[in-house]
């Protein structure tokens, strides 16, 4: 499911897309996001892509950053 959202992103190499999809899947697993929750999955994918555009490619780091952002947002802290 996550790969569909990432295919709408700017051009990345195939291995980078796979790494971003792994990051999205990891975030969803850790935060217990159901695959049926397409709006949340799309938001997660967009956040992963934002970090990838800034140069981060490690799927574990991408996932950690997005998880931190989402947890901060859930606790009421603004993250930009």
PDB file of N, CA and C in Angstrom:
ATOM      1  N   UNK A   1       0.816  -1.192   0.000  1.00  0.00           N
ATOM      2  CA  UNK A   1       0.000   0.000   0.000  1.00  0.00           C
ATOM      3  C   UNK A   1       0.862   1.261   0.000  1.00  0.00           C
ATOM      4  N   UNK A   2       1.899   1.311   0.814  1.00  0.00           N
ATOM      5  CA  UNK A   2       2.718   2.519   0.920  1.00  0.00           C
ATOM      6  C   UNK A   2       3.407   2.858  -0.394  1.00  0.00           C
ATOM      7  N   UNK A   3       3.728   1.876  -1.189  1.00  0.00           N
ATOM      8  CA  UNK A   3       4.426   2.119  -2.441  1.00  0.00           C
ATOM      9  C   UNK A   3       3.565   2.922  -3.414  1.00  0.00           C
ATOM     10  N   UNK A   4       2.247   2.804  -3.325  1.00  0.00           N
ATOM     11  CA  UNK A   4       1.350   3.558  -4.197  1.00  0.00           C
ATOM     12  C   UNK A   4       1.515   5.044  -3.941  1.00  0.00           C
ATOM     13  N   UNK A   5       1.539   5.454  -2.689  1.00  0.00           N
ATOM     14  CA  UNK A   5       1.699   6.860  -2.362  1.00  0.00           C
ATOM     15  C   UNK A   5       3.067   7.374  -2.775  1.00  0.00           C
ATOM     16  N   UNK A   6       4.074   6.554  -2.633  1.00  0.00           N
ATOM     17  CA  UNK A   6       5.426   6.987  -2.962  1.00  0.00           C
ATOM     18  C   UNK A   6       5.631   7.106  -4.461  1.00  0.00           C
ATOM     19  N   UNK A   7       4.863   6.394  -5.252  1.00  0.00           N
ATOM     20  CA  UNK A   7       5.027   6.475  -6.701  1.00  0.00           C
ATOM     21  C   UNK A   7       4.599   7.826  -7.246  1.00  0.00           C
ATOM     22  N   UNK A   8       3.853   8.603  -6.456  1.00  0.00           N
ATOM     23  CA  UNK A   8       3.435   9.929  -6.861  1.00  0.00           C
ATOM     24  C   UNK A   8       4.491  10.976  -6.518  1.00  0.00           C
ATOM     25  N   UNK A   9       5.587  10.577  -5.940  1.00  0.00           N
ATOM     26  CA  UNK A   9       6.650  11.477  -5.502  1.00  0.00           C
ATOM     27  C   UNK A   9       7.570  11.841  -6.651  1.00  0.00           C
ATOM     28  N   UNK A  10       8.438  12.838  -6.434  1.00  0.00           N
ATOM     29  CA  UNK A  10       9.419  13.173  -7.456  1.00  0.00           C
ATOM     30  C   UNK A  10      10.338  11.986  -7.729  1.00  0.00           C
ATOM     31  N   UNK A  11      11.072  12.058  -8.810  1.00  0.00           N
ATOM     32  CA  UNK A  11      11.888  10.899  -9.186  1.00  0.00           C
ATOM     33  C   UNK A  11      12.935  10.523  -8.129  1.00  0.00           C
ATOM     34  N   UNK A  12      12.882   9.282  -7.752  1.00  0.00           N
ATOM     35  CA  UNK A  12      13.886   8.672  -6.891  1.00  0.00           C
ATOM     36  C   UNK A  12      14.310   7.388  -7.583  1.00  0.00           C
ATOM     37  N   UNK A  13      15.476   6.894  -7.228  1.00  0.00           N
ATOM     38  CA  UNK A  13      15.928   5.610  -7.745  1.00  0.00           C
ATOM     39  C   UNK A  13      15.057   4.512  -7.140  1.00  0.00           C
ATOM     40  N   UNK A  14      14.965   3.392  -7.829  1.00  0.00           N
ATOM     41  CA  UNK A  14      14.113   2.291  -7.375  1.00  0.00           C
ATOM     42  C   UNK A  14      14.481   1.822  -5.966  1.00  0.00           C
ATOM     43  N   UNK A  15      15.769   1.717  -5.676  1.00  0.00           N
ATOM     44  CA  UNK A  15      16.170   1.264  -4.342  1.00  0.00           C
ATOM     45  C   UNK A  15      15.803   2.288  -3.270  1.00  0.00           C
ATOM     46  N   UNK A  16      15.785   3.569  -3.624  1.00  0.00           N
ATOM     47  CA  UNK A  16      15.375   4.602  -2.674  1.00  0.00           C
ATOM     48  C   UNK A  16      13.876   4.501  -2.389  1.00  0.00           C
ATOM     49  N   UNK A  17      13.098   4.201  -3.416  1.00  0.00           N
ATOM     50  CA  UNK A  17      11.654   4.037  -3.246  1.00  0.00           C
ATOM     51  C   UNK A  17      11.370   2.835  -2.345  1.00  0.00           C
ATOM     52  N   UNK A  18      12.116   1.763  -2.555  1.00  0.00           N
ATOM     53  CA  UNK A  18      11.951   0.582  -1.703  1.00  0.00           C
ATOM     54  C   UNK A  18      12.277   0.935  -0.258  1.00  0.00           C
ATOM     55  N   UNK A  19      13.360   1.676  -0.029  1.00  0.00           N
ATOM     56  CA  UNK A  19      13.731   2.077   1.327  1.00  0.00           C
ATOM     57  C   UNK A  19      12.662   2.973   1.953  1.00  0.00           C
ATOM     58  N   UNK A  20      12.100   3.888   1.164  1.00  0.00           N
ATOM     59  CA  UNK A  20      11.050   4.758   1.692  1.00  0.00           C
ATOM     60  C   UNK A  20       9.795   3.946   2.019  1.00  0.00           C
ATOM     61  N   UNK A  21       9.473   2.975   1.188  1.00  0.00           N
ATOM     62  CA  UNK A  21       8.317   2.114   1.460  1.00  0.00           C
ATOM     63  C   UNK A  21       8.538   1.323   2.747  1.00  0.00           C
ATOM     64  N   UNK A  22       9.759   0.846   2.957  1.00  0.00           N
ATOM     65  CA  UNK A  22      10.082   0.149   4.210  1.00  0.00           C
ATOM     66  C   UNK A  22       9.892   1.074   5.404  1.00  0.00           C
ATOM     67  N   UNK A  23      10.308   2.328   5.253  1.00  0.00           N
ATOM     68  CA  UNK A  23      10.148   3.297   6.336  1.00  0.00           C
ATOM     69  C   UNK A  23       8.671   3.527   6.639  1.00  0.00           C
ATOM     70  N   UNK A  24       7.861   3.684   5.603  1.00  0.00           N
ATOM     71  CA  UNK A  24       6.419   3.883   5.801  1.00  0.00           C
ATOM     72  C   UNK A  24       5.823   2.673   6.508  1.00  0.00           C
ATOM     73  N   UNK A  25       6.166   1.493   6.052  1.00  0.00           N
ATOM     74  CA  UNK A  25       5.647   0.275   6.676  1.00  0.00           C
ATOM     75  C   UNK A  25       6.074   0.179   8.143  1.00  0.00           C
ATOM     76  N   UNK A  26       7.310   0.558   8.428  1.00  0.00           N
ATOM     77  CA  UNK A  26       7.821   0.525   9.802  1.00  0.00           C
ATOM     78  C   UNK A  26       7.036   1.495  10.680  1.00  0.00           C
ATOM     79  N   UNK A  27       6.813   2.706  10.180  1.00  0.00           N
ATOM     80  CA  UNK A  27       6.049   3.695  10.940  1.00  0.00           C
ATOM     81  C   UNK A  27       4.651   3.156  11.237  1.00  0.00           C
ATOM     82  N   UNK A  28       4.013   2.618  10.228  1.00  0.00           N
ATOM     83  CA  UNK A  28       2.656   2.085  10.399  1.00  0.00           C
ATOM     84  C   UNK A  28       2.618   0.945  11.414  1.00  0.00           C
ATOM     85  N   UNK A  29       3.629   0.109  11.381  1.00  0.00           N
ATOM     86  CA  UNK A  29       3.694  -1.002  12.330  1.00  0.00           C
ATOM     87  C   UNK A  29       3.886  -0.485  13.754  1.00  0.00           C
ATOM     88  N   UNK A  30       4.844   0.411  13.936  1.00  0.00           N
ATOM     89  CA  UNK A  30       5.138   0.926  15.279  1.00  0.00           C
ATOM     90  C   UNK A  30       3.944   1.695  15.855  1.00  0.00           C
ATOM     91  N   UNK A  31       3.309   2.502  15.020  1.00  0.00           N
ATOM     92  CA  UNK A  31       2.189   3.315  15.490  1.00  0.00           C
ATOM     93  C   UNK A  31       0.838   2.615  15.351  1.00  0.00           C
ATOM     94  N   UNK A  32       0.885   1.361  14.910  1.00  0.00           N
ATOM     95  CA  UNK A  32      -0.311   0.537  14.759  1.00  0.00           C
ATOM     96  C   UNK A  32      -1.356   1.207  13.868  1.00  0.00           C
ATOM     97  N   UNK A  33      -0.895   1.657  12.697  1.00  0.00           N
ATOM     98  CA  UNK A  33      -1.768   2.253  11.692  1.00  0.00           C
ATOM     99  C   UNK A  33      -2.252   1.127  10.785  1.00  0.00           C
ATOM    100  N   UNK A  34      -3.548   1.001  10.655  1.00  0.00           N
ATOM    101  CA  UNK A  34      -4.122  -0.057   9.818  1.00  0.00           C
ATOM    102  C   UNK A  34      -3.918   0.255   8.342  1.00  0.00           C
ATOM    103  N   UNK A  35      -3.666  -0.753   7.525  1.00  0.00           N
ATOM    104  CA  UNK A  35      -3.496  -0.531   6.080  1.00  0.00           C
ATOM    105  C   UNK A  35      -4.718   0.125   5.435  1.00  0.00           C
ATOM    106  N   UNK A  36      -5.876  -0.037   6.050  1.00  0.00           N
ATOM    107  CA  UNK A  36      -7.097   0.554   5.515  1.00  0.00           C
ATOM    108  C   UNK A  36      -7.181   2.059   5.771  1.00  0.00           C
ATOM    109  N   UNK A  37      -6.311   2.586   6.627  1.00  0.00           N
ATOM    110  CA  UNK A  37      -6.322   4.015   6.964  1.00  0.00           C
ATOM    111  C   UNK A  37      -5.491   4.788   5.943  1.00  0.00           C
ATOM    112  N   UNK A  38      -6.034   4.879   4.743  1.00  0.00           N
ATOM    113  CA  UNK A  38      -5.311   5.501   3.624  1.00  0.00           C
ATOM    114  C   UNK A  38      -4.905   6.953   3.888  1.00  0.00           C
ATOM    115  N   UNK A  39      -5.745   7.792   4.480  1.00  0.00           N
ATOM    116  CA  UNK A  39      -5.317   9.178   4.720  1.00  0.00           C
ATOM    117  C   UNK A  39      -4.087   9.270   5.628  1.00  0.00           C
ATOM    118  N   UNK A  40      -4.055   8.456   6.676  1.00  0.00           N
ATOM    119  CA  UNK A  40      -2.895   8.487   7.576  1.00  0.00           C
ATOM    120  C   UNK A  40      -1.668   7.916   6.881  1.00  0.00           C
ATOM    121  N   UNK A  41      -1.841   6.854   6.131  1.00  0.00           N
ATOM    122  CA  UNK A  41      -0.703   6.281   5.402  1.00  0.00           C
ATOM    123  C   UNK A  41      -0.147   7.282   4.394  1.00  0.00           C
ATOM    124  N   UNK A  42      -1.021   8.018   3.739  1.00  0.00           N
ATOM    125  CA  UNK A  42      -0.563   9.024   2.780  1.00  0.00           C
ATOM    126  C   UNK A  42       0.213  10.124   3.500  1.00  0.00           C
ATOM    127  N   UNK A  43      -0.263  10.549   4.639  1.00  0.00           N
ATOM    128  CA  UNK A  43       0.436  11.560   5.431  1.00  0.00           C
ATOM    129  C   UNK A  43       1.823  11.068   5.844  1.00  0.00           C
ATOM    130  N   UNK A  44       1.893   9.818   6.266  1.00  0.00           N
ATOM    131  CA  UNK A  44       3.181   9.227   6.648  1.00  0.00           C
ATOM    132  C   UNK A  44       4.109   9.189   5.443  1.00  0.00           C
ATOM    133  N   UNK A  45       3.606   8.742   4.301  1.00  0.00           N
ATOM    134  CA  UNK A  45       4.427   8.675   3.086  1.00  0.00           C
ATOM    135  C   UNK A  45       4.932  10.058   2.697  1.00  0.00           C
ATOM    136  N   UNK A  46       4.081  11.064   2.811  1.00  0.00           N
ATOM    137  CA  UNK A  46       4.496  12.431   2.472  1.00  0.00           C
ATOM    138  C   UNK A  46       5.617  12.898   3.394  1.00  0.00           C
ATOM    139  N   UNK A  47       5.510  12.566   4.675  1.00  0.00           N
ATOM    140  CA  UNK A  47       6.568  12.952   5.624  1.00  0.00           C
ATOM    141  C   UNK A  47       7.881  12.239   5.301  1.00  0.00           C
ATOM    142  N   UNK A  48       7.784  10.969   4.953  1.00  0.00           N
ATOM    143  CA  UNK A  48       8.984  10.218   4.581  1.00  0.00           C
ATOM    144  C   UNK A  48       9.629  10.860   3.351  1.00  0.00           C
ATOM    145  N   UNK A  49       8.834  11.195   2.375  1.00  0.00           N
ATOM    146  CA  UNK A  49       9.357  11.818   1.149  1.00  0.00           C
ATOM    147  C   UNK A  49      10.010  13.157   1.465  1.00  0.00           C
ATOM    148  N   UNK A  50       9.406  13.938   2.347  1.00  0.00           N
ATOM    149  CA  UNK A  50      10.007  15.226   2.721  1.00  0.00           C
ATOM    150  C   UNK A  50      11.415  15.031   3.267  1.00  0.00           C
ATOM    151  N   UNK A  51      11.575  14.051   4.141  1.00  0.00           N
ATOM    152  CA  UNK A  51      12.906  13.794   4.703  1.00  0.00           C
ATOM    153  C   UNK A  51      13.855  13.257   3.632  1.00  0.00           C
ATOM    154  N   UNK A  52      13.345  12.435   2.741  1.00  0.00           N
ATOM    155  CA  UNK A  52      14.184  11.902   1.664  1.00  0.00           C
ATOM    156  C   UNK A  52      14.639  13.020   0.731  1.00  0.00           C
ATOM    157  N   UNK A  53      13.773  13.970   0.466  1.00  0.00           N
ATOM    158  CA  UNK A  53      14.154  15.119  -0.373  1.00  0.00           C
ATOM    159  C   UNK A  53      15.289  15.914   0.261  1.00  0.00           C
ATOM    160  N   UNK A  54      15.332  15.903   1.583  1.00  0.00           N
ATOM    161  CA  UNK A  54      16.400  16.620   2.303  1.00  0.00           C
ATOM    162  C   UNK A  54      17.689  15.815   2.354  1.00  0.00           C
ATOM    163  N   UNK A  55      17.643  14.583   1.822  1.00  0.00           N
ATOM    164  CA  UNK A  55      18.870  13.813   1.706  1.00  0.00           C
ATOM    165  C   UNK A  55      18.947  12.546   2.527  1.00  0.00           C
ATOM    166  N   UNK A  56      18.018  12.340   3.441  1.00  0.00           N
ATOM    167  CA  UNK A  56      18.067  11.126   4.257  1.00  0.00           C
ATOM    168  C   UNK A  56      17.572   9.935   3.438  1.00  0.00           C
ATOM    169  N   UNK A  57      18.303   8.841   3.464  1.00  0.00           N
ATOM    170  CA  UNK A  57      17.917   7.662   2.686  1.00  0.00           C
ATOM    171  C   UNK A  57      17.799   6.389   3.525  1.00  0.00           C
ATOM    172  N   UNK A  58      18.314   6.409   4.743  1.00  0.00           N
ATOM    173  CA  UNK A  58      18.274   5.234   5.602  1.00  0.00           C
ATOM    174  C   UNK A  58      16.836   5.013   6.075  1.00  0.00           C
ATOM    175  N   UNK A  59      16.235   3.847   5.758  1.00  0.00           N
ATOM    176  CA  UNK A  59      14.835   3.630   6.120  1.00  0.00           C
ATOM    177  C   UNK A  59      14.580   3.665   7.630  1.00  0.00           C
ATOM    178  N   UNK A  60      15.550   3.228   8.421  1.00  0.00           N
ATOM    179  CA  UNK A  60      15.373   3.267   9.873  1.00  0.00           C
ATOM    180  C   UNK A  60      15.349   4.702  10.383  1.00  0.00           C
ATOM    181  N   UNK A  61      16.228   5.527   9.863  1.00  0.00           N
ATOM    182  CA  UNK A  61      16.271   6.932  10.275  1.00  0.00           C
ATOM    183  C   UNK A  61      15.012   7.653   9.804  1.00  0.00           C
ATOM    184  N   UNK A  62      14.603   7.387   8.568  1.00  0.00           N
ATOM    185  CA  UNK A  62      13.368   7.994   8.054  1.00  0.00           C
ATOM    186  C   UNK A  62      12.197   7.653   8.961  1.00  0.00           C
ATOM    187  N   UNK A  63      12.073   6.383   9.301  1.00  0.00           N
ATOM    188  CA  UNK A  63      10.967   5.948  10.164  1.00  0.00           C
ATOM    189  C   UNK A  63      11.045   6.602  11.535  1.00  0.00           C
ATOM    190  N   UNK A  64      12.226   6.633  12.128  1.00  0.00           N
ATOM    191  CA  UNK A  64      12.393   7.237  13.454  1.00  0.00           C
ATOM    192  C   UNK A  64      11.978   8.702  13.444  1.00  0.00           C
ATOM    193  N   UNK A  65      12.360   9.426  12.415  1.00  0.00           N
ATOM    194  CA  UNK A  65      12.019  10.857  12.338  1.00  0.00           C
ATOM    195  C   UNK A  65      10.516  11.056  12.231  1.00  0.00           C
ATOM    196  N   UNK A  66       9.876  10.265  11.392  1.00  0.00           N
ATOM    197  CA  UNK A  66       8.426  10.412  11.214  1.00  0.00           C
ATOM    198  C   UNK A  66       7.688   9.982  12.478  1.00  0.00           C
ATOM    199  N   UNK A  67       8.117   8.923  13.101  1.00  0.00           N
ATOM    200  CA  UNK A  67       7.495   8.485  14.357  1.00  0.00           C
ATOM    201  C   UNK A  67       7.613   9.587  15.407  1.00  0.00           C
ATOM    202  N   UNK A  68       8.778  10.182  15.522  1.00  0.00           N
ATOM    203  CA  UNK A  68       8.978  11.272  16.487  1.00  0.00           C
ATOM    204  C   UNK A  68       8.057  12.444  16.187  1.00  0.00           C
ATOM    205  N   UNK A  69       7.958  12.806  14.910  1.00  0.00           N
ATOM    206  CA  UNK A  69       7.084  13.918  14.522  1.00  0.00           C
ATOM    207  C   UNK A  69       5.626  13.621  14.863  1.00  0.00           C
ATOM    208  N   UNK A  70       5.192  12.423  14.544  1.00  0.00           N
ATOM    209  CA  UNK A  70       3.787  12.081  14.769  1.00  0.00           C
ATOM    210  C   UNK A  70       3.469  11.990  16.252  1.00  0.00           C
ATOM    211  N   UNK A  71       4.389  11.473  17.028  1.00  0.00           N
ATOM    212  CA  UNK A  71       4.166  11.415  18.474  1.00  0.00           C
ATOM    213  C   UNK A  71       4.140  12.816  19.069  1.00  0.00           C
ATOM    214  N   UNK A  72       5.008  13.690  18.579  1.00  0.00           N
ATOM    215  CA  UNK A  72       5.018  15.072  19.056  1.00  0.00           C
ATOM    216  C   UNK A  72       3.710  15.773  18.682  1.00  0.00           C
ATOM    217  N   UNK A  73       3.226  15.523  17.477  1.00  0.00           N
ATOM    218  CA  UNK A  73       1.961  16.127  17.033  1.00  0.00           C
ATOM    219  C   UNK A  73       0.803  15.619  17.872  1.00  0.00           C
ATOM    220  N   UNK A  74       0.824  14.331  18.209  1.00  0.00           N
ATOM    221  CA  UNK A  74      -0.242  13.752  19.024  1.00  0.00           C
ATOM    222  C   UNK A  74      -0.229  14.323  20.446  1.00  0.00           C
ATOM    223  N   UNK A  75       0.945  14.697  20.919  1.00  0.00           N
ATOM    224  CA  UNK A  75       1.031  15.243  22.276  1.00  0.00           C
ATOM    225  C   UNK A  75       0.775  16.748  22.300  1.00  0.00           C
ATOM    226  N   UNK A  76       0.532  17.319  21.125  1.00  0.00           N
ATOM    227  CA  UNK A  76       0.210  18.744  21.061  1.00  0.00           C
ATOM    228  C   UNK A  76       1.374  19.649  20.700  1.00  0.00           C
ATOM    229  N   UNK A  77       2.565  19.076  20.531  1.00  0.00           N
ATOM    230  CA  UNK A  77       3.721  19.869  20.147  1.00  0.00           C
ATOM    231  C   UNK A  77       3.710  20.050  18.634  1.00  0.00           C
ATOM    232  N   UNK A  78       3.936  21.264  18.176  1.00  0.00           N
ATOM    233  CA  UNK A  78       4.002  21.517  16.732  1.00  0.00           C
ATOM    234  C   UNK A  78       5.371  21.146  16.218  1.00  0.00           C
ATOM    235  N   UNK A  79       5.397  20.450  15.091  1.00  0.00           N
ATOM    236  CA  UNK A  79       6.642  20.070  14.437  1.00  0.00           C
ATOM    237  C   UNK A  79       6.573  20.548  13.008  1.00  0.00           C
ATOM    238  N   UNK A  80       7.627  21.199  12.571  1.00  0.00           N
ATOM    239  CA  UNK A  80       7.610  21.663  11.183  1.00  0.00           C
ATOM    240  C   UNK A  80       8.643  20.950  10.355  1.00  0.00           C
TER     241      UNK A  80
END
